[in-house]
Amino acid sequence: RLAPSAEQMRFRRVAHDQLKAMFAAAEADDVQLV
């Protein structure tokens, strides 16, 4: 939602792979998550 440099645009690496997989699965169902 914000610029990559914004503090709120960070997340823990340990959860990143599942976050990315979830966004990709939603995209495959024609749902764009932000």
PDB file of all heavy atoms in Angstrom:
ATOM      1  N   ARG A   1       0.826  -1.214   0.000  1.00  0.00           N
ATOM      2  CA  ARG A   1       0.000   0.000   0.000  1.00  0.00           C
ATOM      3  C   ARG A   1       0.857   1.259   0.000  1.00  0.00           C
ATOM      4  O   ARG A   1       0.489   2.273  -0.597  1.00  0.00           O
ATOM      5  CB  ARG A   1      -0.933  -0.002   1.214  1.00  0.00           C
ATOM      6  CG  ARG A   1      -1.873   1.214   1.297  1.00  0.00           C
ATOM      7  CD  ARG A   1      -2.830   1.097   2.466  1.00  0.00           C
ATOM      8  NE  ARG A   1      -2.147   1.163   3.752  1.00  0.00           N
ATOM      9  CZ  ARG A   1      -1.921   2.281   4.429  1.00  0.00           C
ATOM     10  NH1 ARG A   1      -2.325   3.456   3.940  1.00  0.00           N
ATOM     11  NH2 ARG A   1      -1.311   2.251   5.591  1.00  0.00           N
ATOM     12  N   LEU A   2       1.989   1.210   0.685  1.00  0.00           N
ATOM     13  CA  LEU A   2       2.880   2.359   0.809  1.00  0.00           C
ATOM     14  C   LEU A   2       4.212   2.078   0.126  1.00  0.00           C
ATOM     15  O   LEU A   2       4.458   0.965  -0.363  1.00  0.00           O
ATOM     16  CB  LEU A   2       3.107   2.689   2.294  1.00  0.00           C
ATOM     17  CG  LEU A   2       1.857   2.968   3.131  1.00  0.00           C
ATOM     18  CD1 LEU A   2       2.246   3.162   4.602  1.00  0.00           C
ATOM     19  CD2 LEU A   2       1.100   4.174   2.607  1.00  0.00           C
ATOM     20  N   ALA A   3       5.084   3.050   0.141  1.00  0.00           N
ATOM     21  CA  ALA A   3       6.411   2.871  -0.436  1.00  0.00           C
ATOM     22  C   ALA A   3       7.182   1.797   0.330  1.00  0.00           C
ATOM     23  O   ALA A   3       7.017   1.663   1.553  1.00  0.00           O
ATOM     24  CB  ALA A   3       7.170   4.196  -0.400  1.00  0.00           C
ATOM     25  N   PRO A   4       8.016   1.016  -0.339  1.00  0.00           N
ATOM     26  CA  PRO A   4       8.762  -0.054   0.336  1.00  0.00           C
ATOM     27  C   PRO A   4       9.610   0.432   1.503  1.00  0.00           C
ATOM     28  O   PRO A   4       9.915  -0.353   2.416  1.00  0.00           O
ATOM     29  CB  PRO A   4       9.650  -0.618  -0.782  1.00  0.00           C
ATOM     30  CG  PRO A   4       8.922  -0.281  -2.039  1.00  0.00           C
ATOM     31  CD  PRO A   4       8.260   1.036  -1.789  1.00  0.00           C
ATOM     32  N   SER A   5       9.973   1.703   1.513  1.00  0.00           N
ATOM     33  CA  SER A   5      10.813   2.232   2.585  1.00  0.00           C
ATOM     34  C   SER A   5      10.028   2.561   3.855  1.00  0.00           C
ATOM     35  O   SER A   5      10.627   2.798   4.908  1.00  0.00           O
ATOM     36  CB  SER A   5      11.536   3.495   2.102  1.00  0.00           C
ATOM     37  OG  SER A   5      10.585   4.488   1.712  1.00  0.00           O
ATOM     38  N   ALA A   6       8.719   2.561   3.782  1.00  0.00           N
ATOM     39  CA  ALA A   6       7.897   2.906   4.943  1.00  0.00           C
ATOM     40  C   ALA A   6       8.025   1.831   6.024  1.00  0.00           C
ATOM     41  O   ALA A   6       8.080   0.635   5.737  1.00  0.00           O
ATOM     42  CB  ALA A   6       6.434   3.066   4.534  1.00  0.00           C
ATOM     43  N   GLU A   7       8.069   2.275   7.279  1.00  0.00           N
ATOM     44  CA  GLU A   7       8.231   1.328   8.388  1.00  0.00           C
ATOM     45  C   GLU A   7       7.159   0.258   8.386  1.00  0.00           C
ATOM     46  O   GLU A   7       7.439  -0.919   8.652  1.00  0.00           O
ATOM     47  CB  GLU A   7       8.193   2.092   9.716  1.00  0.00           C
ATOM     48  CG  GLU A   7       8.270   1.173  10.941  1.00  0.00           C
ATOM     49  CD  GLU A   7       8.205   1.919  12.254  1.00  0.00           C
ATOM     50  OE1 GLU A   7       9.093   2.756  12.511  1.00  0.00           O
ATOM     51  OE2 GLU A   7       7.254   1.663  13.025  1.00  0.00           O
ATOM     52  N   GLN A   8       5.932   0.628   8.083  1.00  0.00           N
ATOM     53  CA  GLN A   8       4.818  -0.322   8.123  1.00  0.00           C
ATOM     54  C   GLN A   8       4.863  -1.355   7.005  1.00  0.00           C
ATOM     55  O   GLN A   8       4.097  -2.332   7.035  1.00  0.00           O
ATOM     56  CB  GLN A   8       3.490   0.426   8.044  1.00  0.00           C
ATOM     57  CG  GLN A   8       3.228   1.350   9.215  1.00  0.00           C
ATOM     58  CD  GLN A   8       1.918   2.087   9.039  1.00  0.00           C
ATOM     59  OE1 GLN A   8       0.840   1.497   9.153  1.00  0.00           O
ATOM     60  NE2 GLN A   8       1.996   3.379   8.744  1.00  0.00           N
ATOM     61  N   MET A   9       5.724  -1.155   6.022  1.00  0.00           N
ATOM     62  CA  MET A   9       5.840  -2.106   4.922  1.00  0.00           C
ATOM     63  C   MET A   9       6.926  -3.148   5.197  1.00  0.00           C
ATOM     64  O   MET A   9       7.695  -3.544   4.318  1.00  0.00           O
ATOM     65  CB  MET A   9       6.145  -1.361   3.620  1.00  0.00           C
ATOM     66  CG  MET A   9       5.032  -0.416   3.184  1.00  0.00           C
ATOM     67  SD  MET A   9       3.439  -1.237   2.810  1.00  0.00           S
ATOM     68  CE  MET A   9       2.512  -0.957   4.325  1.00  0.00           C
ATOM     69  N   ARG A  10       6.978  -3.578   6.432  1.00  0.00           N
ATOM     70  CA  ARG A  10       7.915  -4.643   6.807  1.00  0.00           C
ATOM     71  C   ARG A  10       7.167  -5.771   7.513  1.00  0.00           C
ATOM     72  O   ARG A  10       6.111  -5.572   8.105  1.00  0.00           O
ATOM     73  CB  ARG A  10       9.034  -4.085   7.700  1.00  0.00           C
ATOM     74  CG  ARG A  10       9.992  -3.168   6.943  1.00  0.00           C
ATOM     75  CD  ARG A  10      11.238  -2.872   7.762  1.00  0.00           C
ATOM     76  NE  ARG A  10      10.977  -1.931   8.843  1.00  0.00           N
ATOM     77  CZ  ARG A  10      11.872  -1.628   9.787  1.00  0.00           C
ATOM     78  NH1 ARG A  10      13.051  -2.226   9.802  1.00  0.00           N
ATOM     79  NH2 ARG A  10      11.569  -0.755  10.727  1.00  0.00           N
ATOM     80  N   PHE A  11       7.780  -6.949   7.434  1.00  0.00           N
ATOM     81  CA  PHE A  11       7.150  -8.151   7.966  1.00  0.00           C
ATOM     82  C   PHE A  11       8.274  -9.127   8.297  1.00  0.00           C
ATOM     83  O   PHE A  11       9.369  -9.040   7.750  1.00  0.00           O
ATOM     84  CB  PHE A  11       6.202  -8.753   6.918  1.00  0.00           C
ATOM     85  CG  PHE A  11       5.127  -9.647   7.465  1.00  0.00           C
ATOM     86  CD1 PHE A  11       4.211  -9.184   8.386  1.00  0.00           C
ATOM     87  CD2 PHE A  11       5.014 -10.967   7.044  1.00  0.00           C
ATOM     88  CE1 PHE A  11       3.205  -9.995   8.889  1.00  0.00           C
ATOM     89  CE2 PHE A  11       4.014 -11.789   7.537  1.00  0.00           C
ATOM     90  CZ  PHE A  11       3.106 -11.304   8.461  1.00  0.00           C
ATOM     91  N   ARG A  12       7.999 -10.065   9.191  1.00  0.00           N
ATOM     92  CA  ARG A  12       9.047 -11.008   9.578  1.00  0.00           C
ATOM     93  C   ARG A  12       9.325 -12.033   8.485  1.00  0.00           C
ATOM     94  O   ARG A  12       8.412 -12.585   7.885  1.00  0.00           O
ATOM     95  CB  ARG A  12       8.685 -11.704  10.883  1.00  0.00           C
ATOM     96  CG  ARG A  12       8.859 -10.822  12.108  1.00  0.00           C
ATOM     97  CD  ARG A  12       8.750 -11.603  13.395  1.00  0.00           C
ATOM     98  NE  ARG A  12       9.759 -12.659  13.464  1.00  0.00           N
ATOM     99  CZ  ARG A  12       9.844 -13.538  14.462  1.00  0.00           C
ATOM    100  NH1 ARG A  12       8.978 -13.489  15.472  1.00  0.00           N
ATOM    101  NH2 ARG A  12      10.779 -14.471  14.449  1.00  0.00           N
ATOM    102  N   ARG A  13      10.616 -12.264   8.281  1.00  0.00           N
ATOM    103  CA  ARG A  13      11.051 -13.213   7.254  1.00  0.00           C
ATOM    104  C   ARG A  13      10.483 -14.612   7.503  1.00  0.00           C
ATOM    105  O   ARG A  13      10.156 -15.334   6.567  1.00  0.00           O
ATOM    106  CB  ARG A  13      12.573 -13.272   7.211  1.00  0.00           C
ATOM    107  CG  ARG A  13      13.139 -14.152   6.102  1.00  0.00           C
ATOM    108  CD  ARG A  13      14.656 -14.285   6.197  1.00  0.00           C
ATOM    109  NE  ARG A  13      15.300 -12.998   6.034  1.00  0.00           N
ATOM    110  CZ  ARG A  13      15.612 -12.464   4.843  1.00  0.00           C
ATOM    111  NH1 ARG A  13      15.309 -13.125   3.742  1.00  0.00           N
ATOM    112  NH2 ARG A  13      16.199 -11.290   4.785  1.00  0.00           N
ATOM    113  N   VAL A  14      10.372 -15.008   8.778  1.00  0.00           N
ATOM    114  CA  VAL A  14       9.910 -16.351   9.115  1.00  0.00           C
ATOM    115  C   VAL A  14       8.507 -16.624   8.585  1.00  0.00           C
ATOM    116  O   VAL A  14       8.129 -17.781   8.356  1.00  0.00           O
ATOM    117  CB  VAL A  14       9.963 -16.566  10.648  1.00  0.00           C
ATOM    118  CG1 VAL A  14       8.915 -15.726  11.363  1.00  0.00           C
ATOM    119  CG2 VAL A  14       9.797 -18.030  11.003  1.00  0.00           C
ATOM    120  N   ALA A  15       7.717 -15.567   8.372  1.00  0.00           N
ATOM    121  CA  ALA A  15       6.348 -15.733   7.877  1.00  0.00           C
ATOM    122  C   ALA A  15       6.209 -15.317   6.415  1.00  0.00           C
ATOM    123  O   ALA A  15       5.116 -15.430   5.842  1.00  0.00           O
ATOM    124  CB  ALA A  15       5.381 -14.919   8.733  1.00  0.00           C
ATOM    125  N   HIS A  16       7.295 -14.855   5.813  1.00  0.00           N
ATOM    126  CA  HIS A  16       7.204 -14.242   4.488  1.00  0.00           C
ATOM    127  C   HIS A  16       6.790 -15.227   3.399  1.00  0.00           C
ATOM    128  O   HIS A  16       5.963 -14.902   2.529  1.00  0.00           O
ATOM    129  CB  HIS A  16       8.545 -13.599   4.117  1.00  0.00           C
ATOM    130  CG  HIS A  16       8.548 -13.008   2.743  1.00  0.00           C
ATOM    131  ND1 HIS A  16       9.173 -13.629   1.666  1.00  0.00           N
ATOM    132  CD2 HIS A  16       7.977 -11.875   2.254  1.00  0.00           C
ATOM    133  CE1 HIS A  16       8.994 -12.884   0.586  1.00  0.00           C
ATOM    134  NE2 HIS A  16       8.276 -11.826   0.912  1.00  0.00           N
ATOM    135  N   ASP A  17       7.350 -16.434   3.413  1.00  0.00           N
ATOM    136  CA  ASP A  17       7.037 -17.389   2.345  1.00  0.00           C
ATOM    137  C   ASP A  17       5.547 -17.703   2.303  1.00  0.00           C
ATOM    138  O   ASP A  17       4.956 -17.804   1.218  1.00  0.00           O
ATOM    139  CB  ASP A  17       7.835 -18.677   2.536  1.00  0.00           C
ATOM    140  CG  ASP A  17       9.307 -18.514   2.177  1.00  0.00           C
ATOM    141  OD1 ASP A  17       9.662 -17.459   1.607  1.00  0.00           O
ATOM    142  OD2 ASP A  17      10.099 -19.426   2.490  1.00  0.00           O
ATOM    143  N   GLN A  18       4.937 -17.877   3.472  1.00  0.00           N
ATOM    144  CA  GLN A  18       3.503 -18.174   3.504  1.00  0.00           C
ATOM    145  C   GLN A  18       2.672 -16.956   3.118  1.00  0.00           C
ATOM    146  O   GLN A  18       1.627 -17.083   2.479  1.00  0.00           O
ATOM    147  CB  GLN A  18       3.106 -18.681   4.893  1.00  0.00           C
ATOM    148  CG  GLN A  18       3.647 -20.067   5.216  1.00  0.00           C
ATOM    149  CD  GLN A  18       3.223 -21.107   4.201  1.00  0.00           C
ATOM    150  OE1 GLN A  18       2.068 -21.157   3.764  1.00  0.00           O
ATOM    151  NE2 GLN A  18       4.163 -21.955   3.805  1.00  0.00           N
ATOM    152  N   LEU A  19       3.145 -15.764   3.490  1.00  0.00           N
ATOM    153  CA  LEU A  19       2.452 -14.539   3.070  1.00  0.00           C
ATOM    154  C   LEU A  19       2.460 -14.433   1.547  1.00  0.00           C
ATOM    155  O   LEU A  19       1.419 -14.179   0.920  1.00  0.00           O
ATOM    156  CB  LEU A  19       3.139 -13.313   3.684  1.00  0.00           C
ATOM    157  CG  LEU A  19       2.539 -11.955   3.285  1.00  0.00           C
ATOM    158  CD1 LEU A  19       1.246 -11.705   4.056  1.00  0.00           C
ATOM    159  CD2 LEU A  19       3.546 -10.821   3.557  1.00  0.00           C
ATOM    160  N   LYS A  20       3.606 -14.653   0.965  1.00  0.00           N
ATOM    161  CA  LYS A  20       3.736 -14.555  -0.484  1.00  0.00           C
ATOM    162  C   LYS A  20       2.897 -15.629  -1.186  1.00  0.00           C
ATOM    163  O   LYS A  20       2.234 -15.357  -2.199  1.00  0.00           O
ATOM    164  CB  LYS A  20       5.209 -14.697  -0.880  1.00  0.00           C
ATOM    165  CG  LYS A  20       5.496 -14.431  -2.346  1.00  0.00           C
ATOM    166  CD  LYS A  20       6.992 -14.444  -2.620  1.00  0.00           C
ATOM    167  CE  LYS A  20       7.269 -14.172  -4.099  1.00  0.00           C
ATOM    168  NZ  LYS A  20       8.741 -14.173  -4.376  1.00  0.00           N
ATOM    169  N   ALA A  21       2.901 -16.839  -0.642  1.00  0.00           N
ATOM    170  CA  ALA A  21       2.099 -17.925  -1.215  1.00  0.00           C
ATOM    171  C   ALA A  21       0.610 -17.599  -1.141  1.00  0.00           C
ATOM    172  O   ALA A  21      -0.153 -17.895  -2.064  1.00  0.00           O
ATOM    173  CB  ALA A  21       2.400 -19.231  -0.492  1.00  0.00           C
ATOM    174  N   MET A  22       0.196 -16.992  -0.038  1.00  0.00           N
ATOM    175  CA  MET A  22      -1.219 -16.640   0.123  1.00  0.00           C
ATOM    176  C   MET A  22      -1.629 -15.573  -0.886  1.00  0.00           C
ATOM    177  O   MET A  22      -2.693 -15.671  -1.512  1.00  0.00           O
ATOM    178  CB  MET A  22      -1.466 -16.143   1.557  1.00  0.00           C
ATOM    179  CG  MET A  22      -2.924 -15.808   1.850  1.00  0.00           C
ATOM    180  SD  MET A  22      -3.216 -15.512   3.623  1.00  0.00           S
ATOM    181  CE  MET A  22      -2.315 -13.977   3.852  1.00  0.00           C
ATOM    182  N   PHE A  23      -0.808 -14.562  -1.068  1.00  0.00           N
ATOM    183  CA  PHE A  23      -1.118 -13.514  -2.049  1.00  0.00           C
ATOM    184  C   PHE A  23      -1.176 -14.103  -3.458  1.00  0.00           C
ATOM    185  O   PHE A  23      -2.048 -13.727  -4.260  1.00  0.00           O
ATOM    186  CB  PHE A  23      -0.068 -12.401  -1.982  1.00  0.00           C
ATOM    187  CG  PHE A  23      -0.366 -11.336  -0.958  1.00  0.00           C
ATOM    188  CD1 PHE A  23      -0.544 -11.653   0.380  1.00  0.00           C
ATOM    189  CD2 PHE A  23      -0.465 -10.008  -1.335  1.00  0.00           C
ATOM    190  CE1 PHE A  23      -0.823 -10.671   1.334  1.00  0.00           C
ATOM    191  CE2 PHE A  23      -0.744  -9.015  -0.399  1.00  0.00           C
ATOM    192  CZ  PHE A  23      -0.924  -9.351   0.935  1.00  0.00           C
ATOM    193  N   ALA A  24      -0.284 -15.038  -3.763  1.00  0.00           N
ATOM    194  CA  ALA A  24      -0.271 -15.664  -5.085  1.00  0.00           C
ATOM    195  C   ALA A  24      -1.516 -16.518  -5.297  1.00  0.00           C
ATOM    196  O   ALA A  24      -2.097 -16.539  -6.397  1.00  0.00           O
ATOM    197  CB  ALA A  24       0.987 -16.510  -5.249  1.00  0.00           C
ATOM    198  N   ALA A  25      -1.946 -17.237  -4.254  1.00  0.00           N
ATOM    199  CA  ALA A  25      -3.148 -18.075  -4.367  1.00  0.00           C
ATOM    200  C   ALA A  25      -4.382 -17.214  -4.582  1.00  0.00           C
ATOM    201  O   ALA A  25      -5.280 -17.570  -5.372  1.00  0.00           O
ATOM    202  CB  ALA A  25      -3.302 -18.924  -3.104  1.00  0.00           C
ATOM    203  N   ALA A  26      -4.449 -16.087  -3.891  1.00  0.00           N
ATOM    204  CA  ALA A  26      -5.578 -15.174  -4.091  1.00  0.00           C
ATOM    205  C   ALA A  26      -5.563 -14.628  -5.521  1.00  0.00           C
ATOM    206  O   ALA A  26      -6.617 -14.533  -6.170  1.00  0.00           O
ATOM    207  CB  ALA A  26      -5.502 -14.030  -3.081  1.00  0.00           C
ATOM    208  N   GLU A  27      -4.389 -14.282  -6.002  1.00  0.00           N
ATOM    209  CA  GLU A  27      -4.261 -13.770  -7.372  1.00  0.00           C
ATOM    210  C   GLU A  27      -4.748 -14.797  -8.386  1.00  0.00           C
ATOM    211  O   GLU A  27      -5.408 -14.458  -9.374  1.00  0.00           O
ATOM    212  CB  GLU A  27      -2.797 -13.423  -7.653  1.00  0.00           C
ATOM    213  CG  GLU A  27      -2.544 -12.690  -8.958  1.00  0.00           C
ATOM    214  CD  GLU A  27      -2.841 -11.199  -8.873  1.00  0.00           C
ATOM    215  OE1 GLU A  27      -2.655 -10.605  -7.793  1.00  0.00           O
ATOM    216  OE2 GLU A  27      -3.263 -10.636  -9.898  1.00  0.00           O
ATOM    217  N   ALA A  28      -4.443 -16.070  -8.130  1.00  0.00           N
ATOM    218  CA  ALA A  28      -4.894 -17.142  -9.016  1.00  0.00           C
ATOM    219  C   ALA A  28      -6.412 -17.255  -9.022  1.00  0.00           C
ATOM    220  O   ALA A  28      -6.997 -17.764  -9.988  1.00  0.00           O
ATOM    221  CB  ALA A  28      -4.269 -18.469  -8.585  1.00  0.00           C
ATOM    222  N   ASP A  29      -7.046 -16.800  -7.965  1.00  0.00           N
ATOM    223  CA  ASP A  29      -8.515 -16.783  -7.873  1.00  0.00           C
ATOM    224  C   ASP A  29      -9.090 -15.418  -8.262  1.00  0.00           C
ATOM    225  O   ASP A  29     -10.243 -15.111  -7.927  1.00  0.00           O
ATOM    226  CB  ASP A  29      -8.951 -17.133  -6.442  1.00  0.00           C
ATOM    227  CG  ASP A  29      -8.723 -18.593  -6.101  1.00  0.00           C
ATOM    228  OD1 ASP A  29      -8.614 -19.416  -7.029  1.00  0.00           O
ATOM    229  OD2 ASP A  29      -8.645 -18.920  -4.892  1.00  0.00           O
ATOM    230  N   ASP A  30      -8.274 -14.620  -8.942  1.00  0.00           N
ATOM    231  CA  ASP A  30      -8.685 -13.283  -9.416  1.00  0.00           C
ATOM    232  C   ASP A  30      -9.021 -12.325  -8.273  1.00  0.00           C
ATOM    233  O   ASP A  30      -9.900 -11.477  -8.390  1.00  0.00           O
ATOM    234  CB  ASP A  30      -9.889 -13.387 -10.379  1.00  0.00           C
ATOM    235  CG  ASP A  30      -9.534 -14.120 -11.658  1.00  0.00           C
ATOM    236  OD1 ASP A  30      -8.401 -13.941 -12.148  1.00  0.00           O
ATOM    237  OD2 ASP A  30     -10.388 -14.878 -12.157  1.00  0.00           O
ATOM    238  N   VAL A  31      -8.327 -12.484  -7.156  1.00  0.00           N
ATOM    239  CA  VAL A  31      -8.490 -11.580  -6.014  1.00  0.00           C
ATOM    240  C   VAL A  31      -7.125 -10.935  -5.742  1.00  0.00           C
ATOM    241  O   VAL A  31      -6.146 -11.633  -5.489  1.00  0.00           O
ATOM    242  CB  VAL A  31      -8.975 -12.328  -4.756  1.00  0.00           C
ATOM    243  CG1 VAL A  31      -9.021 -11.381  -3.555  1.00  0.00           C
ATOM    244  CG2 VAL A  31     -10.338 -12.947  -4.996  1.00  0.00           C
ATOM    245  N   GLN A  32      -7.090  -9.616  -5.809  1.00  0.00           N
ATOM    246  CA  GLN A  32      -5.842  -8.896  -5.592  1.00  0.00           C
ATOM    247  C   GLN A  32      -5.771  -8.380  -4.155  1.00  0.00           C
ATOM    248  O   GLN A  32      -6.527  -7.488  -3.758  1.00  0.00           O
ATOM    249  CB  GLN A  32      -5.719  -7.722  -6.572  1.00  0.00           C
ATOM    250  CG  GLN A  32      -5.576  -8.157  -8.028  1.00  0.00           C
ATOM    251  CD  GLN A  32      -5.377  -6.966  -8.947  1.00  0.00           C
ATOM    252  OE1 GLN A  32      -5.891  -5.878  -8.702  1.00  0.00           O
ATOM    253  NE2 GLN A  32      -4.629  -7.174 -10.024  1.00  0.00           N
ATOM    254  N   LEU A  33      -4.863  -8.964  -3.397  1.00  0.00           N
ATOM    255  CA  LEU A  33      -4.648  -8.533  -2.020  1.00  0.00           C
ATOM    256  C   LEU A  33      -3.569  -7.458  -1.974  1.00  0.00           C
ATOM    257  O   LEU A  33      -2.643  -7.462  -2.783  1.00  0.00           O
ATOM    258  CB  LEU A  33      -4.210  -9.712  -1.147  1.00  0.00           C
ATOM    259  CG  LEU A  33      -5.206 -10.861  -0.966  1.00  0.00           C
ATOM    260  CD1 LEU A  33      -4.559 -11.981  -0.154  1.00  0.00           C
ATOM    261  CD2 LEU A  33      -6.481 -10.372  -0.291  1.00  0.00           C
ATOM    262  N   VAL A  34      -3.685  -6.583  -1.010  1.00  0.00           N
ATOM    263  CA  VAL A  34      -2.689  -5.542  -0.795  1.00  0.00           C
ATOM    264  C   VAL A  34      -2.254  -5.575   0.666  1.00  0.00           C
ATOM    265  O   VAL A  34      -3.096  -5.677   1.570  1.00  0.00           O
ATOM    266  CB  VAL A  34      -3.233  -4.147  -1.157  1.00  0.00           C
ATOM    267  CG1 VAL A  34      -2.221  -3.057  -0.797  1.00  0.00           C
ATOM    268  CG2 VAL A  34      -3.578  -4.070  -2.648  1.00  0.00           C
TER     269      VAL A  34
END
